[in-house]
Amino acid sequence: MTRATAARRTALALVGERRRRGARIRELMRASGELSALAPRDRALATRLAMGCVAAEGALDRVIDAHLRAGAHLEPRVRDALRVSAFEILYLATRADVCVSQGVELVRGVAPRAAGLANAVLRRVASEDAPALAAARARLGSGDVTADDLALVGGMPVWLAERGLASLEPSRAAAWAAGALEPAGAWVAANRARHTTDEAHALLADVGCAPEAGPLPGSLLLGAPAALAPSGLVEAVDVLPCDLAAQRVALEAAPAPGARVLEIGSGRGTKTVLLEGAARAAGGPCEIVAVEADARRSERAARRMAAAGVAEHVRCLAADARTLTPELLGTFDLVFVDAPCTGSGTLARHPEIAWSLEPSAPAELARLQGEILAAAAPLVAPGGRLVYATCSVLAEEDEDVVRALLASPAGAGLELDVMGRADLPRADTHFSATLRRR
């Protein structure tokens, strides 16, 4: 009898722990000694399987349930094992017979009596569902783009695929779905307030991260990302884990040296450091007020600014952005709004998103985004810029919100400069719009 490999057993253990604890899969993987102990190739497979099972959870359940008797109930551990194997059959290049055999052993390891059921279900996944997925991929590749095929290829809810297709050109929608279950590139940004890109490259190379220069100033792609965590470079804020598209948004905003900047939605302060670094690379520091609604997160960001060497020029403020006024803060040369959103452009990086969203979420977030922009607009000084950014692909959170602002009294005196998304290799999808005050 062939035992399931260590990589697949580790993936199953992570998926089961996530179900029991309700934790994020990336956090569990970072803390997993079992995952860290695997050889690099096995670690990569376990990571793909665990991340993919979470990202495509609902789609995998649909496939599995279609091959069960009506009313049949699966023990949660058995369902976890079937998800792992169904994901591998459908979305990885492993031979189907290997996937089925390994899947049966995974199930046998948690519920021996269910091994026969697993064999029957997984054989049908391989013979029926895998060809259907291949056909859907072929249709997307030929330009025949439908929401059902997007949902199947991306392992996402049909409603989200429908909204994505309504918001994006067909070729962009196909690329979005095709990338949803692929590994996210291990991008980092140099802290350019402290280091040149070459200096950051050397630091990463010295600890074995195998960095490659990216297409943007300060961007670096790690060939061996597992070496980053123990290096201490992130804690020292020598480099910042940050997707390429997010780096592009910060560079587009790029404040001039000496500019007065308001950042709304600063979070942990990653883009704060990127904005300050961009100004210094252009000749000198800018002055940033970084606003975050969560007081604890704002406190952590302030400590991170100190570690990054930019605290002298950054004030971290805990506040609801909708309450900000010129009387309270004055006006700014740049108001950068990194808005709360569905995160639908970051499905590969944040696998919990697709199946945790409700169809009502985009509209609810759009209302909040509109309120934040309405409060932000009066804070833009004459001749200044308002940059609005999200990591969503949905027009109701992106273009529609910007157009609503421009059509409202709050948008009076603002003109749209540029709006859209850039095509970047192995990157999340971010939207940005730049408006200027006359």
Protein backbone atom coordinates (compact mmCIF):
# COMPACT_ATOMS: atom_id res chain seq x y z
CA MET A 1 0.00 0.00 0.00
CA THR A 2 1.40 3.44 -1.02
CA ARG A 3 1.31 6.06 1.69
CA ALA A 4 0.40 9.68 0.89
CA THR A 5 3.51 11.82 0.50
CA ALA A 6 4.69 14.20 3.21
CA ALA A 7 3.81 17.22 1.06
CA ARG A 8 0.19 16.12 0.67
CA ARG A 9 -0.13 15.13 4.32
CA THR A 10 1.22 18.53 5.33
CA ALA A 11 -1.24 20.30 3.04
CA LEU A 12 -4.10 18.28 4.53
CA ALA A 13 -2.97 19.11 8.06
CA LEU A 14 -2.90 22.82 7.24
CA VAL A 15 -6.33 22.76 5.58
CA GLY A 16 -7.78 20.91 8.55
CA GLU A 17 -6.22 23.28 11.06
CA ARG A 18 -7.60 26.25 9.18
CA ARG A 19 -11.11 24.75 9.24
CA ARG A 20 -10.94 24.05 12.95
CA ARG A 21 -9.42 27.38 14.00
CA GLY A 22 -10.86 29.74 11.39
CA ALA A 23 -7.34 31.13 10.86
CA ARG A 24 -5.81 32.47 7.66
CA ILE A 25 -3.92 29.84 5.73
CA ARG A 26 -0.84 32.03 5.18
CA GLU A 27 -0.50 32.63 8.92
CA LEU A 28 -0.71 28.89 9.57
CA MET A 29 1.89 28.18 6.92
CA ARG A 30 4.31 30.75 8.35
CA ALA A 31 4.06 29.05 11.76
CA SER A 32 4.18 25.47 10.48
CA GLY A 33 7.30 23.58 11.48
CA GLU A 34 6.10 20.64 9.40
CA LEU A 35 5.98 22.80 6.26
CA SER A 36 9.37 24.37 6.97
CA ALA A 37 10.96 20.93 7.39
CA LEU A 38 10.00 19.82 3.87
CA ALA A 39 12.45 19.89 1.00
CA PRO A 40 11.92 22.95 -1.26
CA ARG A 41 10.06 21.04 -3.97
CA ASP A 42 7.75 19.35 -1.45
CA ARG A 43 7.23 22.66 0.37
CA ALA A 44 6.16 24.27 -2.90
CA LEU A 45 3.64 21.49 -3.59
CA ALA A 46 2.22 21.60 -0.06
CA THR A 47 1.87 25.36 -0.33
CA ARG A 48 0.09 25.17 -3.68
CA LEU A 49 -2.31 22.53 -2.39
CA ALA A 50 -3.14 24.30 0.87
CA MET A 51 -3.56 27.73 -0.73
CA GLY A 52 -5.54 26.31 -3.63
CA CYS A 53 -7.95 24.37 -1.42
CA VAL A 54 -8.82 27.55 0.43
CA ALA A 55 -9.04 29.76 -2.67
CA ALA A 56 -11.28 27.34 -4.58
CA GLU A 57 -13.12 25.89 -1.58
CA GLY A 58 -16.67 26.42 -2.81
CA ALA A 59 -15.87 25.29 -6.34
CA LEU A 60 -14.22 22.12 -5.05
CA ASP A 61 -17.20 21.38 -2.83
CA ARG A 62 -19.54 21.71 -5.82
CA VAL A 63 -17.45 19.21 -7.76
CA ILE A 64 -17.22 16.75 -4.86
CA ASP A 65 -20.91 16.98 -3.94
CA ALA A 66 -21.94 16.32 -7.54
CA HIS A 67 -20.46 12.82 -7.21
CA LEU A 68 -22.08 11.92 -3.89
CA ARG A 69 -25.48 10.36 -3.30
CA ALA A 70 -28.22 12.88 -2.55
CA GLY A 71 -28.21 13.71 1.15
CA ALA A 72 -24.83 12.09 1.77
CA HIS A 73 -22.80 13.61 4.60
CA LEU A 74 -19.02 13.71 4.59
CA GLU A 75 -16.99 13.80 7.76
CA PRO A 76 -15.11 17.14 7.73
CA ARG A 77 -11.69 15.44 7.67
CA VAL A 78 -12.74 13.38 4.66
CA ARG A 79 -13.98 16.47 2.85
CA ASP A 80 -10.67 18.20 3.58
CA ALA A 81 -8.77 15.30 2.02
CA LEU A 82 -11.04 15.19 -1.02
CA ARG A 83 -10.59 18.94 -1.51
CA VAL A 84 -6.80 18.56 -1.51
CA SER A 85 -6.91 15.80 -4.09
CA ALA A 86 -9.63 17.35 -6.24
CA PHE A 87 -7.64 20.58 -6.41
CA GLU A 88 -4.54 18.69 -7.54
CA ILE A 89 -6.49 16.77 -10.20
CA LEU A 90 -8.13 19.91 -11.57
CA TYR A 91 -5.57 22.67 -11.22
CA LEU A 92 -2.10 21.11 -11.12
CA ALA A 93 -0.23 19.14 -13.78
CA THR A 94 0.11 15.94 -11.75
CA ARG A 95 -0.93 12.72 -13.52
CA ALA A 96 -4.53 11.84 -12.71
CA ASP A 97 -3.76 8.29 -11.59
CA VAL A 98 -1.19 9.59 -9.12
CA CYS A 99 -3.66 12.16 -7.76
CA VAL A 100 -6.37 9.55 -7.32
CA SER A 101 -4.06 7.07 -5.63
CA GLN A 102 -2.63 9.71 -3.31
CA GLY A 103 -6.10 11.07 -2.58
CA VAL A 104 -7.35 7.67 -1.57
CA GLU A 105 -4.41 7.32 0.82
CA LEU A 106 -5.08 10.76 2.30
CA VAL A 107 -8.66 9.75 3.01
CA ARG A 108 -7.59 6.35 4.29
CA GLY A 109 -5.30 8.11 6.76
CA VAL A 110 -8.19 9.97 8.41
CA ALA A 111 -11.11 7.55 7.81
CA PRO A 112 -10.11 4.09 6.52
CA ARG A 113 -13.69 3.07 5.75
CA ALA A 114 -14.09 6.02 3.37
CA ALA A 115 -11.26 4.93 1.06
CA GLY A 116 -13.65 3.28 -1.41
CA LEU A 117 -15.82 6.38 -1.55
CA ALA A 118 -12.74 8.51 -2.18
CA ASN A 119 -11.65 6.28 -5.04
CA ALA A 120 -15.05 6.53 -6.73
CA VAL A 121 -15.37 10.30 -6.28
CA LEU A 122 -11.84 11.16 -7.39
CA ARG A 123 -12.00 8.92 -10.44
CA ARG A 124 -15.08 10.82 -11.59
CA VAL A 125 -13.42 14.16 -10.90
CA ALA A 126 -10.55 13.03 -13.14
CA SER A 127 -12.73 11.61 -15.91
CA GLU A 128 -15.50 14.24 -15.98
CA ASP A 129 -14.50 17.48 -14.29
CA ALA A 130 -10.89 17.76 -15.41
CA PRO A 131 -11.85 17.62 -19.14
CA ALA A 132 -14.60 20.20 -18.53
CA LEU A 133 -12.06 22.54 -16.93
CA ALA A 134 -9.62 22.02 -19.82
CA ALA A 135 -12.37 22.94 -22.27
CA ALA A 136 -13.20 26.08 -20.28
CA ARG A 137 -9.54 27.11 -20.34
CA ALA A 138 -9.42 26.59 -24.10
CA ARG A 139 -12.50 28.76 -24.62
CA LEU A 140 -11.02 31.57 -22.53
CA GLY A 141 -7.79 31.30 -24.50
CA SER A 142 -9.67 31.67 -27.76
CA GLY A 143 -11.46 34.81 -26.58
CA ASP A 144 -14.83 33.16 -25.94
CA VAL A 145 -15.22 34.50 -22.41
CA THR A 146 -18.22 33.66 -20.23
CA ALA A 147 -18.79 34.08 -16.51
CA ASP A 148 -19.32 30.34 -16.04
CA ASP A 149 -15.93 29.57 -17.56
CA LEU A 150 -14.27 32.33 -15.54
CA ALA A 151 -15.73 30.86 -12.36
CA LEU A 152 -14.57 27.36 -13.26
CA VAL A 153 -11.03 28.37 -14.26
CA GLY A 154 -10.62 30.73 -11.30
CA GLY A 155 -12.34 28.50 -8.75
CA MET A 156 -14.50 31.47 -7.75
CA PRO A 157 -18.24 32.10 -7.17
CA VAL A 158 -20.22 32.68 -10.34
CA TRP A 159 -21.53 36.03 -9.06
CA LEU A 160 -17.97 37.32 -8.65
CA ALA A 161 -17.04 36.10 -12.12
CA GLU A 162 -20.11 37.88 -13.53
CA ARG A 163 -19.12 41.16 -11.83
CA GLY A 164 -15.53 40.78 -13.01
CA LEU A 165 -16.59 40.18 -16.60
CA ALA A 166 -18.91 43.19 -16.47
CA SER A 167 -16.04 45.34 -15.19
CA LEU A 168 -13.11 44.20 -17.32
CA GLU A 169 -12.37 43.72 -20.99
CA PRO A 170 -12.78 40.01 -21.86
CA SER A 171 -9.04 39.42 -22.21
CA ARG A 172 -8.36 41.06 -18.83
CA ALA A 173 -11.15 39.05 -17.22
CA ALA A 174 -9.66 35.84 -18.63
CA ALA A 175 -6.21 36.75 -17.29
CA TRP A 176 -7.71 37.62 -13.89
CA ALA A 177 -9.41 34.22 -13.61
CA ALA A 178 -6.39 32.33 -14.94
CA GLY A 179 -4.16 33.92 -12.32
CA ALA A 180 -6.51 33.52 -9.36
CA LEU A 181 -5.14 30.10 -8.37
CA GLU A 182 -1.55 30.57 -9.51
CA PRO A 183 1.28 31.28 -7.05
CA ALA A 184 1.67 34.98 -6.35
CA GLY A 185 5.10 36.33 -7.16
CA ALA A 186 7.32 36.88 -4.11
CA TRP A 187 7.82 40.60 -4.65
CA VAL A 188 9.52 42.97 -2.25
CA ALA A 189 10.34 46.66 -2.42
CA ALA A 190 13.54 48.27 -1.27
CA ASN A 191 13.16 50.82 1.51
CA ARG A 192 14.48 53.63 -0.67
CA ALA A 193 14.47 56.00 2.29
CA ARG A 194 17.46 53.94 3.46
CA HIS A 195 18.84 51.90 0.55
CA THR A 196 19.31 52.07 -3.19
CA THR A 197 17.82 49.19 -5.13
CA ASP A 198 21.31 47.76 -5.65
CA GLU A 199 21.99 47.87 -1.91
CA ALA A 200 18.72 46.07 -1.14
CA HIS A 201 19.54 43.53 -3.85
CA ALA A 202 22.89 42.85 -2.19
CA LEU A 203 21.29 42.43 1.25
CA LEU A 204 18.80 39.91 -0.13
CA ALA A 205 21.45 38.03 -2.07
CA ASP A 206 23.62 37.75 1.03
CA VAL A 207 20.87 35.90 2.93
CA GLY A 208 20.09 33.55 0.03
CA CYS A 209 16.85 35.05 -1.31
CA ALA A 210 18.08 34.94 -4.94
CA PRO A 211 16.64 38.35 -5.88
CA GLU A 212 16.03 39.56 -9.42
CA ALA A 213 15.51 43.20 -10.33
CA GLY A 214 11.89 43.99 -11.19
CA PRO A 215 10.49 46.44 -13.75
CA LEU A 216 9.84 49.25 -11.23
CA PRO A 217 12.34 51.31 -9.23
CA GLY A 218 13.05 49.45 -5.99
CA SER A 219 11.16 46.30 -7.03
CA LEU A 220 12.75 42.88 -6.53
CA LEU A 221 11.44 39.36 -7.18
CA LEU A 222 12.69 36.65 -4.82
CA GLY A 223 13.69 33.33 -6.30
CA ALA A 224 14.06 31.78 -2.83
CA PRO A 225 11.49 33.60 -0.67
CA ALA A 226 11.73 31.12 2.24
CA ALA A 227 15.06 32.72 3.15
CA LEU A 228 13.45 36.11 3.78
CA ALA A 229 11.62 35.39 7.07
CA PRO A 230 14.69 34.36 9.11
CA SER A 231 16.88 37.10 7.59
CA GLY A 232 15.54 39.96 9.76
CA LEU A 233 15.39 42.27 6.73
CA VAL A 234 11.61 42.68 6.97
CA GLU A 235 11.67 43.44 10.71
CA ALA A 236 14.40 46.02 10.14
CA VAL A 237 12.35 47.45 7.24
CA ASP A 238 15.29 47.19 4.86
CA VAL A 239 12.80 45.67 2.42
CA LEU A 240 9.01 45.56 2.37
CA PRO A 241 6.95 42.59 1.14
CA CYS A 242 4.70 44.29 -1.39
CA ASP A 243 3.13 43.15 -4.64
CA LEU A 244 4.35 44.77 -7.83
CA ALA A 245 1.00 46.39 -8.62
CA ALA A 246 0.84 47.97 -5.15
CA GLN A 247 4.35 49.34 -5.69
CA ARG A 248 3.22 50.82 -9.00
CA VAL A 249 0.34 52.65 -7.32
CA ALA A 250 2.69 54.23 -4.77
CA LEU A 251 5.14 55.22 -7.51
CA GLU A 252 2.36 56.80 -9.54
CA ALA A 253 1.51 58.96 -6.53
CA ALA A 254 5.26 59.75 -5.98
CA PRO A 255 5.25 63.00 -3.97
CA ALA A 256 7.80 65.68 -4.75
CA PRO A 257 10.52 66.45 -2.18
CA GLY A 258 9.08 68.78 0.44
CA ALA A 259 5.47 67.99 -0.49
CA ARG A 260 2.81 67.79 2.18
CA VAL A 261 1.09 64.40 1.90
CA LEU A 262 -2.04 62.93 3.45
CA GLU A 263 -2.29 59.14 3.23
CA ILE A 264 -5.73 57.71 4.03
CA GLY A 265 -5.89 54.01 4.83
CA SER A 266 -2.23 53.63 5.74
CA GLY A 267 -2.61 50.20 7.37
CA ARG A 268 0.76 48.82 8.43
CA GLY A 269 2.55 51.64 6.64
CA THR A 270 3.98 49.82 3.64
CA LYS A 271 2.91 52.44 1.12
CA THR A 272 3.85 55.15 3.63
CA VAL A 273 7.47 54.01 3.40
CA LEU A 274 7.20 53.67 -0.38
CA LEU A 275 5.88 57.25 -0.70
CA GLU A 276 8.62 58.64 1.54
CA GLY A 277 11.24 56.61 -0.31
CA ALA A 278 10.03 57.88 -3.69
CA ALA A 279 10.32 61.49 -2.52
CA ARG A 280 13.83 60.93 -1.18
CA ALA A 281 14.90 59.19 -4.38
CA ALA A 282 13.76 62.34 -6.19
CA GLY A 283 15.86 64.61 -3.98
CA GLY A 284 14.54 64.92 -0.43
CA PRO A 285 11.93 63.90 2.15
CA CYS A 286 8.26 64.72 2.05
CA GLU A 287 6.02 65.25 5.08
CA ILE A 288 3.30 62.62 5.53
CA VAL A 289 0.24 62.43 7.76
CA ALA A 290 -0.71 58.74 7.68
CA VAL A 291 -4.32 58.13 8.72
CA GLU A 292 -5.59 54.72 9.79
CA ALA A 293 -8.98 54.01 11.38
CA ASP A 294 -7.70 51.16 13.59
CA ALA A 295 -5.84 52.71 16.54
CA ARG A 296 -3.77 49.60 17.29
CA ARG A 297 -2.73 49.27 13.67
CA SER A 298 -1.78 52.94 13.65
CA GLU A 299 0.39 52.42 16.74
CA ARG A 300 2.13 49.48 15.08
CA ALA A 301 2.65 51.57 11.95
CA ALA A 302 4.29 54.32 14.02
CA ARG A 303 6.76 51.79 15.42
CA ARG A 304 7.42 50.54 11.91
CA MET A 305 8.12 54.09 10.72
CA ALA A 306 10.74 54.38 13.43
CA ALA A 307 12.34 51.11 12.34
CA ALA A 308 12.25 52.29 8.72
CA GLY A 309 14.07 55.51 9.56
CA VAL A 310 11.28 57.83 8.42
CA ALA A 311 9.52 58.69 11.72
CA GLU A 312 10.86 62.26 11.65
CA HIS A 313 8.81 62.94 8.53
CA VAL A 314 5.71 60.78 9.19
CA ARG A 315 2.91 61.42 11.66
CA CYS A 316 0.65 58.41 12.25
CA LEU A 317 -2.89 59.45 13.12
CA ALA A 318 -5.74 57.15 14.21
CA ALA A 319 -8.96 58.63 12.83
CA ASP A 320 -12.04 57.91 10.73
CA ALA A 321 -11.17 59.44 7.36
CA ARG A 322 -14.75 60.59 6.92
CA THR A 323 -14.30 63.04 9.81
CA LEU A 324 -11.20 64.80 8.42
CA THR A 325 -11.55 68.47 7.51
CA PRO A 326 -9.25 71.26 6.27
CA GLU A 327 -9.88 73.04 9.59
CA LEU A 328 -8.43 70.02 11.40
CA LEU A 329 -5.47 69.19 9.16
CA GLY A 330 -5.09 71.94 6.56
CA THR A 331 -4.66 71.06 2.89
CA PHE A 332 -2.14 68.87 1.09
CA ASP A 333 -0.19 68.71 -2.14
CA LEU A 334 -1.09 65.02 -2.38
CA VAL A 335 -4.02 63.17 -0.85
CA PHE A 336 -3.52 59.44 -1.35
CA VAL A 337 -6.59 57.30 -0.62
CA ASP A 338 -5.81 53.58 -0.33
CA ALA A 339 -9.44 52.61 0.00
CA PRO A 340 -10.94 49.60 1.80
CA CYS A 341 -12.24 47.25 -0.89
CA THR A 342 -13.17 43.65 -1.69
CA GLY A 343 -9.59 42.77 -2.60
CA SER A 344 -10.88 40.98 -5.69
CA GLY A 345 -7.67 41.83 -7.54
CA THR A 346 -5.55 39.92 -5.02
CA LEU A 347 -7.15 36.46 -5.07
CA ALA A 348 -3.84 34.63 -5.58
CA ARG A 349 -2.27 36.39 -2.60
CA HIS A 350 -5.29 36.26 -0.28
CA PRO A 351 -7.07 32.94 -0.89
CA GLU A 352 -9.82 33.49 1.67
CA ILE A 353 -11.32 36.39 -0.26
CA ALA A 354 -13.38 34.83 -3.04
CA TRP A 355 -15.57 32.55 -0.92
CA SER A 356 -15.85 34.88 2.08
CA LEU A 357 -17.36 37.76 0.09
CA GLU A 358 -21.11 38.26 -0.07
CA PRO A 359 -22.65 39.61 -3.30
CA SER A 360 -23.73 42.70 -1.34
CA ALA A 361 -20.15 43.54 -0.29
CA PRO A 362 -19.09 45.59 -3.35
CA ALA A 363 -22.06 47.96 -3.07
CA GLU A 364 -21.58 48.37 0.68
CA LEU A 365 -17.90 49.13 0.20
CA ALA A 366 -18.65 51.53 -2.66
CA ARG A 367 -20.79 53.61 -0.32
CA LEU A 368 -17.93 53.77 2.19
CA GLN A 369 -15.42 54.58 -0.55
CA GLY A 370 -17.63 57.42 -1.78
CA GLU A 371 -17.91 58.87 1.72
CA ILE A 372 -14.13 58.75 2.19
CA LEU A 373 -13.50 60.43 -1.16
CA ALA A 374 -16.07 63.13 -0.41
CA ALA A 375 -14.21 63.94 2.82
CA ALA A 376 -10.80 63.72 1.14
CA ALA A 377 -11.53 66.05 -1.79
CA PRO A 378 -11.61 69.33 0.20
CA LEU A 379 -8.20 68.45 1.66
CA VAL A 380 -6.49 68.79 -1.72
CA ALA A 381 -4.66 72.11 -2.06
CA PRO A 382 -4.94 74.20 -5.26
CA GLY A 383 -2.77 72.51 -7.88
CA GLY A 384 -2.59 69.37 -5.75
CA ARG A 385 -3.51 65.78 -6.56
CA LEU A 386 -6.02 63.27 -5.22
CA VAL A 387 -4.99 59.68 -5.93
CA TYR A 388 -7.61 56.99 -5.33
CA ALA A 389 -6.49 53.34 -5.28
CA THR A 390 -8.06 49.94 -4.65
CA CYS A 391 -7.02 46.33 -5.15
CA SER A 392 -10.41 45.49 -6.65
CA VAL A 393 -11.27 44.63 -10.26
CA LEU A 394 -14.90 45.68 -9.87
CA ALA A 395 -16.07 48.84 -11.60
CA GLU A 396 -18.57 49.62 -8.84
CA GLU A 397 -15.62 50.09 -6.45
CA ASP A 398 -13.36 51.74 -9.00
CA GLU A 399 -14.47 53.81 -12.00
CA ASP A 400 -18.03 54.23 -10.72
CA VAL A 401 -16.84 55.67 -7.39
CA VAL A 402 -14.54 58.18 -9.11
CA ARG A 403 -17.23 59.28 -11.56
CA ALA A 404 -19.72 59.68 -8.72
CA LEU A 405 -17.28 61.96 -6.90
CA LEU A 406 -16.72 64.10 -9.99
CA ALA A 407 -20.48 64.44 -10.47
CA SER A 408 -21.03 65.51 -6.85
CA PRO A 409 -20.56 68.89 -5.14
CA ALA A 410 -17.54 67.45 -3.29
CA GLY A 411 -15.80 66.88 -6.63
CA ALA A 412 -16.17 70.47 -7.80
CA GLY A 413 -12.84 71.85 -8.93
CA LEU A 414 -11.29 68.42 -9.50
CA GLU A 415 -10.36 67.14 -12.95
CA LEU A 416 -9.62 63.55 -13.90
CA ASP A 417 -6.04 63.12 -15.05
CA VAL A 418 -5.67 59.37 -15.53
CA MET A 419 -7.63 56.26 -14.50
CA GLY A 420 -7.17 52.55 -15.00
CA ARG A 421 -4.99 49.51 -14.46
CA ALA A 422 -1.52 48.66 -15.71
CA ASP A 423 -0.44 45.29 -17.07
CA LEU A 424 2.39 43.96 -14.93
CA PRO A 425 3.99 40.48 -14.88
CA ARG A 426 2.99 38.10 -12.08
CA ALA A 427 1.23 40.86 -10.17
CA ASP A 428 -2.01 41.50 -8.37
CA THR A 429 -4.53 43.79 -10.04
CA HIS A 430 -4.75 47.31 -8.61
CA PHE A 431 -6.85 50.22 -9.83
CA SER A 432 -5.87 53.86 -9.48
CA ALA A 433 -7.19 57.23 -10.53
CA THR A 434 -5.44 60.61 -10.29
CA LEU A 435 -7.49 63.81 -10.01
CA ARG A 436 -6.09 67.34 -9.91
CA ARG A 437 -7.36 70.42 -8.17
CA ARG A 438 -7.65 73.39 -10.53
